[in-house]
Amino acid sequence: MAFEIVVVGTSTGGLRALQTLLSGLPAGFPLPIVIVQHRGAGDENGLCEFLNQRSNVAVAEPEDKEPVQRHHAYLAPRDYHLLIEKQSFALSTDRPVGFARPSVDVLFESAAEEYRDRAIGVILTGANRDGARGLAAIKSRGGLALVQDPVSAACGEMPQAAINQTEPDWVLPLEEIAPLLNKLSEAGTQTELAGRELREEPVNHGN
């Protein structure tokens, strides 16, 4: 089956990383992109507006029970966990996971359960281990795992934790992630990937 979603997790240094990622995708990028950037109730509003200044894909915060749609990018609201259930969003005020709400692990684990081998998980810069368990869940269900090279990250702890916990399909500098996502969206399926030259370089585990 074709890929149906991209989920992205980031923390410290994430604003620049997300701007670079979103500006590198074409306006017609077909897959929904769902993002967790760590931020709490006291953080300022306006992150969507900030990202939209550079993004070729419109970024918005989803409402509870809003359907997931192609050609859209979604940002987890402040102080809410964001999950995907039955192709729709669910917002939760359950306790923080790993001191974070929203939590990358919560989003990624729900995406793994919902989309299985049709999900692509991306871990970017960050200062804790959130997302490592969730990326492993995506990988274990046949999805693809992409990680920003810790050397290129503003803070390498989050991507290094993801690398340590799972076997990512690609570990790349930030600027190479958007072009790869575009190729993956065009290739569409795991079978098609096998016949395309998308693994020209060996995976670098940042060690």
N, C-alpha and C. Protein backbone atom coordinates (compact mmCIF):
# COMPACT_ATOMS: atom_id res chain seq x y z
N MET A 1 0.84 -1.19 0.00
CA MET A 1 0.00 0.00 0.00
C MET A 1 0.87 1.25 0.00
N ALA A 2 0.36 2.34 -0.52
CA ALA A 2 1.11 3.60 -0.58
C ALA A 2 1.24 4.21 0.80
N PHE A 3 2.29 5.00 0.99
CA PHE A 3 2.43 5.75 2.23
C PHE A 3 1.27 6.73 2.36
N GLU A 4 0.81 6.91 3.60
CA GLU A 4 -0.36 7.75 3.82
C GLU A 4 -0.13 8.90 4.79
N ILE A 5 1.01 8.91 5.50
CA ILE A 5 1.20 9.98 6.50
C ILE A 5 2.69 10.13 6.82
N VAL A 6 3.07 11.35 7.18
CA VAL A 6 4.39 11.65 7.73
C VAL A 6 4.18 12.25 9.11
N VAL A 7 4.82 11.70 10.13
CA VAL A 7 4.76 12.26 11.47
C VAL A 7 6.16 12.73 11.85
N VAL A 8 6.24 13.90 12.48
CA VAL A 8 7.51 14.56 12.76
C VAL A 8 7.56 14.93 14.23
N GLY A 9 8.69 14.66 14.87
CA GLY A 9 8.87 15.05 16.27
C GLY A 9 10.14 15.86 16.45
N THR A 10 10.06 16.93 17.24
CA THR A 10 11.22 17.77 17.49
C THR A 10 11.04 18.53 18.79
N SER A 11 12.15 19.08 19.29
CA SER A 11 12.12 19.83 20.54
C SER A 11 13.10 21.00 20.41
N THR A 12 14.15 21.03 21.20
CA THR A 12 15.10 22.13 21.18
C THR A 12 15.70 22.31 19.78
N GLY A 13 15.63 23.53 19.25
CA GLY A 13 16.12 23.80 17.91
C GLY A 13 15.11 23.50 16.83
N GLY A 14 13.88 23.14 17.24
CA GLY A 14 12.90 22.68 16.27
C GLY A 14 12.34 23.74 15.35
N LEU A 15 12.31 25.00 15.79
CA LEU A 15 11.72 26.03 14.92
C LEU A 15 12.49 26.15 13.61
N ARG A 16 13.81 26.26 13.71
CA ARG A 16 14.60 26.33 12.48
C ARG A 16 14.49 25.03 11.69
N ALA A 17 14.54 23.91 12.38
CA ALA A 17 14.48 22.63 11.69
C ALA A 17 13.16 22.48 10.93
N LEU A 18 12.06 22.86 11.56
CA LEU A 18 10.76 22.74 10.90
C LEU A 18 10.65 23.70 9.72
N GLN A 19 11.19 24.91 9.86
CA GLN A 19 11.18 25.83 8.74
C GLN A 19 11.96 25.25 7.56
N THR A 20 13.11 24.68 7.83
CA THR A 20 13.91 24.08 6.76
C THR A 20 13.17 22.92 6.12
N LEU A 21 12.58 22.06 6.93
CA LEU A 21 11.85 20.90 6.41
C LEU A 21 10.66 21.34 5.56
N LEU A 22 9.82 22.22 6.11
CA LEU A 22 8.59 22.59 5.41
C LEU A 22 8.86 23.42 4.16
N SER A 23 9.89 24.25 4.20
CA SER A 23 10.21 25.05 3.01
C SER A 23 10.80 24.19 1.90
N GLY A 24 11.29 23.01 2.24
CA GLY A 24 11.87 22.12 1.24
C GLY A 24 10.86 21.22 0.55
N LEU A 25 9.62 21.23 1.01
CA LEU A 25 8.57 20.41 0.39
C LEU A 25 7.79 21.24 -0.62
N PRO A 26 7.34 20.64 -1.71
CA PRO A 26 6.57 21.40 -2.70
C PRO A 26 5.16 21.67 -2.21
N ALA A 27 4.53 22.69 -2.81
CA ALA A 27 3.16 23.05 -2.42
C ALA A 27 2.20 21.89 -2.62
N GLY A 28 2.47 21.04 -3.57
CA GLY A 28 1.57 19.92 -3.83
C GLY A 28 1.95 18.65 -3.10
N PHE A 29 2.78 18.75 -2.05
CA PHE A 29 3.18 17.53 -1.33
C PHE A 29 1.94 16.76 -0.90
N PRO A 30 1.81 15.49 -1.31
CA PRO A 30 0.52 14.82 -1.19
C PRO A 30 0.17 14.28 0.20
N LEU A 31 1.16 13.99 1.04
CA LEU A 31 0.87 13.30 2.29
C LEU A 31 0.59 14.30 3.41
N PRO A 32 -0.33 13.99 4.32
CA PRO A 32 -0.47 14.81 5.51
C PRO A 32 0.79 14.74 6.36
N ILE A 33 1.16 15.86 6.96
CA ILE A 33 2.33 15.95 7.83
C ILE A 33 1.82 16.37 9.21
N VAL A 34 2.11 15.57 10.21
CA VAL A 34 1.63 15.85 11.57
C VAL A 34 2.85 16.03 12.46
N ILE A 35 2.91 17.17 13.15
CA ILE A 35 4.12 17.60 13.85
C ILE A 35 3.87 17.76 15.34
N VAL A 36 4.78 17.24 16.13
CA VAL A 36 4.87 17.59 17.55
C VAL A 36 6.14 18.38 17.77
N GLN A 37 5.98 19.63 18.18
CA GLN A 37 7.08 20.47 18.67
C GLN A 37 6.82 20.67 20.16
N HIS A 38 7.75 20.28 21.00
CA HIS A 38 7.55 20.44 22.44
C HIS A 38 7.26 21.90 22.79
N ARG A 39 6.15 22.12 23.46
CA ARG A 39 5.80 23.44 23.99
C ARG A 39 4.70 23.25 25.02
N GLY A 40 4.71 24.09 26.03
CA GLY A 40 3.78 23.96 27.13
C GLY A 40 2.70 25.03 27.11
N ALA A 41 1.85 25.00 28.14
CA ALA A 41 0.72 25.92 28.20
C ALA A 41 1.17 27.37 28.25
N GLY A 42 2.35 27.63 28.81
CA GLY A 42 2.81 29.00 28.96
C GLY A 42 3.53 29.55 27.75
N ASP A 43 3.76 28.72 26.73
CA ASP A 43 4.45 29.21 25.53
C ASP A 43 3.54 30.12 24.72
N GLU A 44 4.16 31.01 23.97
CA GLU A 44 3.40 31.98 23.20
C GLU A 44 2.67 31.33 22.02
N ASN A 45 1.54 31.96 21.63
CA ASN A 45 0.85 31.56 20.41
C ASN A 45 1.65 32.06 19.21
N GLY A 46 1.21 31.68 18.03
CA GLY A 46 1.80 32.22 16.82
C GLY A 46 2.79 31.31 16.12
N LEU A 47 2.97 30.08 16.62
CA LEU A 47 3.93 29.19 15.98
C LEU A 47 3.48 28.80 14.58
N CYS A 48 2.19 28.55 14.40
CA CYS A 48 1.69 28.21 13.05
C CYS A 48 1.96 29.35 12.08
N GLU A 49 1.70 30.58 12.52
CA GLU A 49 1.93 31.73 11.66
C GLU A 49 3.41 31.84 11.31
N PHE A 50 4.26 31.60 12.30
CA PHE A 50 5.70 31.65 12.08
C PHE A 50 6.13 30.62 11.04
N LEU A 51 5.64 29.38 11.17
CA LEU A 51 6.01 28.34 10.23
C LEU A 51 5.44 28.60 8.84
N ASN A 52 4.24 29.16 8.78
CA ASN A 52 3.62 29.42 7.48
C ASN A 52 4.38 30.46 6.67
N GLN A 53 5.20 31.26 7.31
CA GLN A 53 5.98 32.26 6.57
C GLN A 53 6.98 31.61 5.63
N ARG A 54 7.42 30.39 5.94
CA ARG A 54 8.41 29.71 5.11
C ARG A 54 7.86 28.43 4.46
N SER A 55 6.73 27.95 4.92
CA SER A 55 6.24 26.65 4.46
C SER A 55 5.50 26.77 3.13
N ASN A 56 5.68 25.77 2.28
CA ASN A 56 4.90 25.66 1.06
C ASN A 56 3.61 24.88 1.27
N VAL A 57 3.45 24.33 2.47
CA VAL A 57 2.25 23.58 2.85
C VAL A 57 1.61 24.32 4.04
N ALA A 58 0.33 24.60 3.96
CA ALA A 58 -0.34 25.33 5.04
C ALA A 58 -0.28 24.54 6.34
N VAL A 59 0.08 25.23 7.43
CA VAL A 59 0.21 24.61 8.76
C VAL A 59 -0.89 25.14 9.67
N ALA A 60 -1.58 24.24 10.36
CA ALA A 60 -2.65 24.63 11.27
C ALA A 60 -2.71 23.65 12.43
N GLU A 61 -3.31 24.09 13.54
CA GLU A 61 -3.55 23.20 14.67
C GLU A 61 -4.89 22.49 14.47
N PRO A 62 -4.93 21.18 14.57
CA PRO A 62 -6.19 20.45 14.34
C PRO A 62 -7.12 20.54 15.54
N GLU A 63 -8.40 20.41 15.25
CA GLU A 63 -9.42 20.31 16.28
C GLU A 63 -9.65 18.84 16.63
N ASP A 64 -10.18 18.59 17.81
CA ASP A 64 -10.54 17.23 18.20
C ASP A 64 -11.55 16.66 17.22
N LYS A 65 -11.31 15.44 16.76
CA LYS A 65 -12.16 14.70 15.82
C LYS A 65 -12.11 15.24 14.39
N GLU A 66 -11.20 16.16 14.10
CA GLU A 66 -11.03 16.65 12.74
C GLU A 66 -10.39 15.56 11.88
N PRO A 67 -10.91 15.30 10.68
CA PRO A 67 -10.30 14.28 9.82
C PRO A 67 -8.90 14.68 9.36
N VAL A 68 -8.03 13.69 9.22
CA VAL A 68 -6.69 13.91 8.67
C VAL A 68 -6.82 14.01 7.16
N GLN A 69 -6.30 15.09 6.58
CA GLN A 69 -6.44 15.31 5.14
C GLN A 69 -5.09 15.42 4.46
N ARG A 70 -5.03 14.93 3.23
CA ARG A 70 -3.84 15.06 2.40
C ARG A 70 -3.59 16.54 2.08
N HIS A 71 -2.34 16.83 1.71
CA HIS A 71 -1.93 18.19 1.32
C HIS A 71 -2.01 19.18 2.48
N HIS A 72 -2.03 18.71 3.72
CA HIS A 72 -2.09 19.59 4.88
C HIS A 72 -0.95 19.25 5.84
N ALA A 73 -0.53 20.26 6.62
CA ALA A 73 0.40 20.05 7.72
C ALA A 73 -0.29 20.46 9.01
N TYR A 74 -0.11 19.67 10.05
CA TYR A 74 -0.79 19.90 11.32
C TYR A 74 0.23 19.98 12.45
N LEU A 75 0.00 20.90 13.37
CA LEU A 75 0.88 21.10 14.51
C LEU A 75 0.11 20.82 15.79
N ALA A 76 0.66 19.96 16.66
CA ALA A 76 0.00 19.65 17.92
C ALA A 76 -0.20 20.93 18.75
N PRO A 77 -1.41 21.16 19.27
CA PRO A 77 -1.65 22.35 20.09
C PRO A 77 -0.83 22.33 21.38
N ARG A 78 -0.62 23.50 21.95
CA ARG A 78 0.10 23.61 23.22
C ARG A 78 -0.61 22.82 24.30
N ASP A 79 0.16 22.07 25.08
CA ASP A 79 -0.31 21.41 26.29
C ASP A 79 -1.36 20.33 26.03
N TYR A 80 -1.41 19.81 24.81
CA TYR A 80 -2.29 18.68 24.48
C TYR A 80 -1.48 17.59 23.80
N HIS A 81 -1.73 16.34 24.19
CA HIS A 81 -1.25 15.23 23.37
C HIS A 81 -2.10 15.18 22.11
N LEU A 82 -1.47 14.84 20.99
CA LEU A 82 -2.17 14.69 19.72
C LEU A 82 -2.04 13.24 19.26
N LEU A 83 -3.19 12.60 19.04
CA LEU A 83 -3.24 11.22 18.58
C LEU A 83 -4.05 11.15 17.28
N ILE A 84 -3.91 10.02 16.59
CA ILE A 84 -4.71 9.76 15.39
C ILE A 84 -5.47 8.47 15.61
N GLU A 85 -6.79 8.56 15.47
CA GLU A 85 -7.67 7.41 15.68
C GLU A 85 -8.73 7.40 14.60
N LYS A 86 -8.80 6.30 13.85
CA LYS A 86 -9.78 6.16 12.78
C LYS A 86 -9.71 7.31 11.79
N GLN A 87 -8.47 7.64 11.37
CA GLN A 87 -8.20 8.66 10.36
C GLN A 87 -8.62 10.07 10.80
N SER A 88 -8.77 10.27 12.10
CA SER A 88 -9.12 11.58 12.65
C SER A 88 -8.21 11.88 13.83
N PHE A 89 -8.15 13.16 14.19
CA PHE A 89 -7.32 13.58 15.31
C PHE A 89 -8.08 13.45 16.63
N ALA A 90 -7.34 13.17 17.68
CA ALA A 90 -7.87 13.17 19.04
C ALA A 90 -6.92 13.97 19.91
N LEU A 91 -7.46 14.89 20.70
CA LEU A 91 -6.67 15.68 21.64
C LEU A 91 -6.86 15.13 23.04
N SER A 92 -5.78 15.09 23.80
CA SER A 92 -5.82 14.49 25.13
C SER A 92 -5.08 15.37 26.13
N THR A 93 -5.64 15.46 27.34
CA THR A 93 -4.97 16.15 28.44
C THR A 93 -4.45 15.14 29.47
N ASP A 94 -4.22 13.90 29.04
CA ASP A 94 -3.58 12.93 29.92
C ASP A 94 -2.22 13.47 30.38
N ARG A 95 -1.70 12.89 31.44
CA ARG A 95 -0.47 13.39 32.05
C ARG A 95 0.66 13.44 31.02
N PRO A 96 1.62 14.33 31.22
CA PRO A 96 2.78 14.39 30.32
C PRO A 96 3.49 13.04 30.25
N VAL A 97 4.07 12.76 29.11
CA VAL A 97 4.86 11.55 28.89
C VAL A 97 6.31 11.99 28.69
N GLY A 98 7.19 11.51 29.56
CA GLY A 98 8.57 11.98 29.51
C GLY A 98 8.67 13.47 29.71
N PHE A 99 7.83 14.00 30.59
CA PHE A 99 7.79 15.44 30.92
C PHE A 99 7.28 16.30 29.77
N ALA A 100 6.69 15.69 28.75
CA ALA A 100 6.25 16.45 27.58
C ALA A 100 4.76 16.25 27.31
N ARG A 101 4.08 17.34 27.04
CA ARG A 101 2.71 17.31 26.52
C ARG A 101 2.53 18.54 25.65
N PRO A 102 2.56 18.38 24.34
CA PRO A 102 2.43 17.14 23.56
C PRO A 102 3.69 16.27 23.58
N SER A 103 3.47 14.98 23.40
CA SER A 103 4.55 14.01 23.39
C SER A 103 4.71 13.43 21.99
N VAL A 104 5.95 13.33 21.55
CA VAL A 104 6.24 12.71 20.26
C VAL A 104 5.87 11.23 20.30
N ASP A 105 6.23 10.55 21.39
CA ASP A 105 5.93 9.12 21.50
C ASP A 105 4.43 8.86 21.36
N VAL A 106 3.61 9.67 21.98
CA VAL A 106 2.16 9.46 21.92
C VAL A 106 1.66 9.56 20.48
N LEU A 107 2.09 10.59 19.76
CA LEU A 107 1.68 10.73 18.36
C LEU A 107 2.19 9.57 17.52
N PHE A 108 3.47 9.26 17.64
CA PHE A 108 4.07 8.23 16.79
C PHE A 108 3.44 6.86 17.06
N GLU A 109 3.20 6.53 18.31
CA GLU A 109 2.61 5.22 18.62
C GLU A 109 1.19 5.12 18.07
N SER A 110 0.43 6.20 18.11
CA SER A 110 -0.92 6.16 17.53
C SER A 110 -0.85 6.03 16.01
N ALA A 111 0.13 6.71 15.38
CA ALA A 111 0.29 6.61 13.93
C ALA A 111 0.72 5.20 13.53
N ALA A 112 1.59 4.59 14.34
CA ALA A 112 2.02 3.22 14.06
C ALA A 112 0.85 2.26 14.11
N GLU A 113 -0.01 2.44 15.09
CA GLU A 113 -1.18 1.58 15.24
C GLU A 113 -2.18 1.79 14.11
N GLU A 114 -2.36 3.05 13.70
CA GLU A 114 -3.36 3.39 12.71
C GLU A 114 -2.91 3.09 11.28
N TYR A 115 -1.64 3.39 10.97
CA TYR A 115 -1.18 3.33 9.58
C TYR A 115 -0.20 2.19 9.30
N ARG A 116 0.41 1.63 10.30
CA ARG A 116 1.32 0.50 10.17
C ARG A 116 2.38 0.77 9.10
N ASP A 117 2.45 -0.03 8.01
CA ASP A 117 3.52 0.14 7.03
C ASP A 117 3.29 1.30 6.08
N ARG A 118 2.25 2.08 6.32
CA ARG A 118 1.97 3.25 5.47
C ARG A 118 2.43 4.55 6.13
N ALA A 119 3.14 4.44 7.26
CA ALA A 119 3.59 5.62 8.01
C ALA A 119 5.08 5.86 7.82
N ILE A 120 5.45 7.14 7.80
CA ILE A 120 6.84 7.57 7.79
C ILE A 120 7.05 8.42 9.03
N GLY A 121 7.99 8.04 9.88
CA GLY A 121 8.31 8.80 11.08
C GLY A 121 9.63 9.54 10.92
N VAL A 122 9.67 10.80 11.39
CA VAL A 122 10.86 11.65 11.27
C VAL A 122 11.19 12.24 12.63
N ILE A 123 12.39 12.03 13.11
CA ILE A 123 12.86 12.64 14.34
C ILE A 123 13.91 13.70 14.01
N LEU A 124 13.68 14.92 14.51
CA LEU A 124 14.60 16.03 14.30
C LEU A 124 15.29 16.40 15.62
N THR A 125 15.96 17.50 15.63
CA THR A 125 16.70 17.99 16.78
C THR A 125 15.87 18.03 18.06
N GLY A 126 16.51 17.78 19.19
CA GLY A 126 15.80 17.83 20.47
C GLY A 126 16.69 17.46 21.63
N ALA A 127 16.24 17.84 22.84
CA ALA A 127 17.10 17.71 24.02
C ALA A 127 16.67 16.61 24.97
N ASN A 128 15.85 15.67 24.54
CA ASN A 128 15.51 14.55 25.41
C ASN A 128 15.31 13.29 24.57
N ARG A 129 14.73 12.25 25.16
CA ARG A 129 14.58 10.96 24.47
C ARG A 129 13.19 10.77 23.87
N ASP A 130 12.31 11.75 23.98
CA ASP A 130 10.96 11.61 23.44
C ASP A 130 11.02 11.31 21.95
N GLY A 131 10.23 10.35 21.52
CA GLY A 131 10.17 9.97 20.12
C GLY A 131 10.92 8.70 19.79
N ALA A 132 11.89 8.31 20.61
CA ALA A 132 12.65 7.10 20.32
C ALA A 132 11.75 5.86 20.36
N ARG A 133 10.94 5.75 21.39
CA ARG A 133 10.03 4.60 21.52
C ARG A 133 8.99 4.62 20.40
N GLY A 134 8.47 5.81 20.09
CA GLY A 134 7.46 5.91 19.05
C GLY A 134 7.99 5.57 17.67
N LEU A 135 9.22 6.01 17.37
CA LEU A 135 9.81 5.69 16.07
C LEU A 135 10.05 4.19 15.96
N ALA A 136 10.46 3.56 17.07
CA ALA A 136 10.63 2.11 17.07
C ALA A 136 9.30 1.41 16.80
N ALA A 137 8.20 1.96 17.31
CA ALA A 137 6.88 1.38 17.06
C ALA A 137 6.52 1.45 15.58
N ILE A 138 6.80 2.60 14.96
CA ILE A 138 6.54 2.73 13.52
C ILE A 138 7.36 1.71 12.74
N LYS A 139 8.63 1.62 13.07
CA LYS A 139 9.52 0.68 12.37
C LYS A 139 9.07 -0.76 12.57
N SER A 140 8.63 -1.11 13.78
CA SER A 140 8.25 -2.49 14.06
C SER A 140 7.00 -2.92 13.31
N ARG A 141 6.18 -1.96 12.87
CA ARG A 141 4.97 -2.26 12.12
C ARG A 141 5.16 -2.08 10.62
N GLY A 142 6.40 -1.95 10.20
CA GLY A 142 6.69 -1.92 8.77
C GLY A 142 6.81 -0.54 8.17
N GLY A 143 6.67 0.52 8.99
CA GLY A 143 6.82 1.87 8.48
C GLY A 143 8.29 2.24 8.31
N LEU A 144 8.52 3.47 7.83
CA LEU A 144 9.87 3.94 7.60
C LEU A 144 10.30 4.90 8.70
N ALA A 145 11.59 4.85 9.04
CA ALA A 145 12.16 5.67 10.11
C ALA A 145 13.27 6.55 9.55
N LEU A 146 13.09 7.88 9.67
CA LEU A 146 14.08 8.86 9.24
C LEU A 146 14.53 9.65 10.47
N VAL A 147 15.83 9.90 10.56
CA VAL A 147 16.38 10.63 11.70
C VAL A 147 17.36 11.68 11.20
N GLN A 148 17.26 12.88 11.75
CA GLN A 148 18.26 13.90 11.45
C GLN A 148 19.60 13.47 12.03
N ASP A 149 20.64 13.61 11.25
CA ASP A 149 21.99 13.31 11.73
C ASP A 149 22.27 14.14 12.98
N PRO A 150 22.57 13.50 14.11
CA PRO A 150 22.84 14.27 15.33
C PRO A 150 23.92 15.33 15.17
N VAL A 151 24.88 15.08 14.29
CA VAL A 151 25.95 16.05 14.09
C VAL A 151 25.42 17.35 13.51
N SER A 152 24.35 17.26 12.70
CA SER A 152 23.78 18.45 12.06
C SER A 152 22.69 19.10 12.89
N ALA A 153 22.35 18.51 14.03
CA ALA A 153 21.23 19.00 14.84
C ALA A 153 21.69 20.07 15.83
N ALA A 154 20.79 21.02 16.11
CA ALA A 154 21.08 22.01 17.15
C ALA A 154 21.29 21.32 18.48
N CYS A 155 20.55 20.25 18.73
CA CYS A 155 20.72 19.42 19.91
C CYS A 155 20.57 17.97 19.48
N GLY A 156 21.61 17.18 19.64
CA GLY A 156 21.63 15.83 19.09
C GLY A 156 21.05 14.75 19.98
N GLU A 157 20.59 15.09 21.18
CA GLU A 157 20.15 14.05 22.11
C GLU A 157 18.95 13.27 21.60
N MET A 158 17.93 13.96 21.09
CA MET A 158 16.72 13.27 20.63
C MET A 158 17.00 12.38 19.42
N PRO A 159 17.67 12.89 18.36
CA PRO A 159 17.96 11.97 17.26
C PRO A 159 18.88 10.82 17.65
N GLN A 160 19.86 11.06 18.52
CA GLN A 160 20.75 9.97 18.92
C GLN A 160 19.99 8.91 19.71
N ALA A 161 19.06 9.32 20.55
CA ALA A 161 18.24 8.35 21.29
C ALA A 161 17.42 7.50 20.33
N ALA A 162 16.88 8.13 19.27
CA ALA A 162 16.10 7.37 18.28
C ALA A 162 16.99 6.37 17.55
N ILE A 163 18.19 6.79 17.20
CA ILE A 163 19.12 5.88 16.53
C ILE A 163 19.48 4.71 17.44
N ASN A 164 19.67 4.98 18.72
CA ASN A 164 20.05 3.94 19.66
C ASN A 164 18.94 2.92 19.88
N GLN A 165 17.68 3.34 19.74
CA GLN A 165 16.57 2.45 20.09
C GLN A 165 16.01 1.69 18.89
N THR A 166 16.25 2.17 17.69
CA THR A 166 15.73 1.47 16.52
C THR A 166 16.77 1.50 15.42
N GLU A 167 16.51 0.81 14.34
CA GLU A 167 17.40 0.80 13.18
C GLU A 167 16.78 1.69 12.12
N PRO A 168 17.14 2.97 12.07
CA PRO A 168 16.49 3.87 11.11
C PRO A 168 16.84 3.51 9.67
N ASP A 169 15.92 3.82 8.77
CA ASP A 169 16.18 3.59 7.36
C ASP A 169 17.14 4.62 6.79
N TRP A 170 17.07 5.85 7.30
CA TRP A 170 17.97 6.91 6.87
C TRP A 170 18.35 7.79 8.05
N VAL A 171 19.61 8.17 8.11
CA VAL A 171 20.10 9.20 9.02
C VAL A 171 20.74 10.27 8.13
N LEU A 172 20.14 11.47 8.12
CA LEU A 172 20.50 12.46 7.11
C LEU A 172 20.70 13.85 7.71
N PRO A 173 21.51 14.68 7.07
CA PRO A 173 21.52 16.10 7.44
C PRO A 173 20.14 16.70 7.22
N LEU A 174 19.82 17.72 7.98
CA LEU A 174 18.50 18.34 7.94
C LEU A 174 18.07 18.68 6.52
N GLU A 175 18.95 19.28 5.74
CA GLU A 175 18.59 19.77 4.41
C GLU A 175 18.23 18.66 3.43
N GLU A 176 18.59 17.42 3.74
CA GLU A 176 18.32 16.31 2.83
C GLU A 176 17.02 15.58 3.15
N ILE A 177 16.38 15.93 4.24
CA ILE A 177 15.18 15.18 4.65
C ILE A 177 13.99 15.50 3.76
N ALA A 178 13.74 16.78 3.48
CA ALA A 178 12.59 17.14 2.64
C ALA A 178 12.70 16.53 1.24
N PRO A 179 13.86 16.63 0.55
CA PRO A 179 13.95 15.98 -0.76
C PRO A 179 13.68 14.48 -0.70
N LEU A 180 14.15 13.82 0.36
CA LEU A 180 13.88 12.39 0.48
C LEU A 180 12.39 12.13 0.68
N LEU A 181 11.74 12.92 1.54
CA LEU A 181 10.29 12.73 1.73
C LEU A 181 9.54 12.90 0.42
N ASN A 182 9.98 13.84 -0.40
CA ASN A 182 9.32 14.03 -1.69
C ASN A 182 9.48 12.80 -2.57
N LYS A 183 10.69 12.22 -2.58
CA LYS A 183 10.91 11.00 -3.35
C LYS A 183 10.07 9.84 -2.81
N LEU A 184 10.00 9.74 -1.48
CA LEU A 184 9.21 8.67 -0.88
C LEU A 184 7.73 8.80 -1.22
N SER A 185 7.23 10.02 -1.23
CA SER A 185 5.81 10.23 -1.55
C SER A 185 5.53 9.88 -3.00
N GLU A 186 6.52 10.08 -3.86
CA GLU A 186 6.36 9.74 -5.27
C GLU A 186 6.47 8.23 -5.49
N ALA A 187 7.40 7.59 -4.76
CA ALA A 187 7.58 6.15 -4.90
C ALA A 187 6.34 5.42 -4.41
N GLY A 188 5.82 5.87 -3.28
CA GLY A 188 4.51 5.41 -2.84
C GLY A 188 4.47 4.16 -2.01
N THR A 189 5.18 3.11 -2.38
CA THR A 189 5.06 1.84 -1.67
C THR A 189 6.43 1.26 -1.36
N GLN A 190 6.45 0.34 -0.40
CA GLN A 190 7.70 -0.33 -0.06
C GLN A 190 8.23 -1.12 -1.25
N THR A 191 7.36 -1.74 -2.04
CA THR A 191 7.79 -2.51 -3.19
C THR A 191 8.46 -1.61 -4.21
N GLU A 192 7.88 -0.44 -4.46
CA GLU A 192 8.48 0.49 -5.40
C GLU A 192 9.82 1.00 -4.88
N LEU A 193 9.94 1.18 -3.57
CA LEU A 193 11.21 1.66 -3.00
C LEU A 193 12.35 0.71 -3.33
N ALA A 194 12.06 -0.57 -3.34
CA ALA A 194 13.10 -1.56 -3.59
C ALA A 194 13.71 -1.40 -4.97
N GLY A 195 12.94 -0.84 -5.89
CA GLY A 195 13.43 -0.67 -7.25
C GLY A 195 13.97 0.70 -7.55
N ARG A 196 14.03 1.59 -6.56
CA ARG A 196 14.50 2.95 -6.78
C ARG A 196 15.83 3.17 -6.06
N GLU A 197 16.64 4.09 -6.56
CA GLU A 197 17.96 4.35 -5.97
C GLU A 197 17.83 5.39 -4.86
N LEU A 198 17.23 4.97 -3.75
CA LEU A 198 17.03 5.89 -2.63
C LEU A 198 18.01 5.61 -1.50
N ARG A 199 18.79 4.57 -1.61
CA ARG A 199 19.73 4.23 -0.55
C ARG A 199 21.16 4.27 -1.10
N GLU A 200 21.49 5.37 -1.74
CA GLU A 200 22.80 5.48 -2.37
C GLU A 200 23.92 5.49 -1.32
N GLU A 201 23.65 6.05 -0.12
CA GLU A 201 24.66 6.12 0.93
C GLU A 201 24.27 5.19 2.07
N PRO A 202 25.24 4.53 2.70
CA PRO A 202 24.91 3.70 3.86
C PRO A 202 24.40 4.56 5.01
N VAL A 203 23.55 3.98 5.83
CA VAL A 203 23.04 4.69 7.00
C VAL A 203 24.19 5.01 7.92
N ASN A 204 24.25 6.29 8.35
CA ASN A 204 25.26 6.74 9.30
C ASN A 204 24.59 6.86 10.66
N HIS A 205 25.00 6.09 11.61
CA HIS A 205 24.35 6.08 12.92
C HIS A 205 24.90 7.13 13.87
N GLY A 206 25.65 8.03 13.37
CA GLY A 206 26.08 9.16 14.19
C GLY A 206 27.09 8.82 15.26
N ASN A 207 27.72 7.68 15.14
CA ASN A 207 28.70 7.28 16.16
C ASN A 207 30.09 7.76 15.76
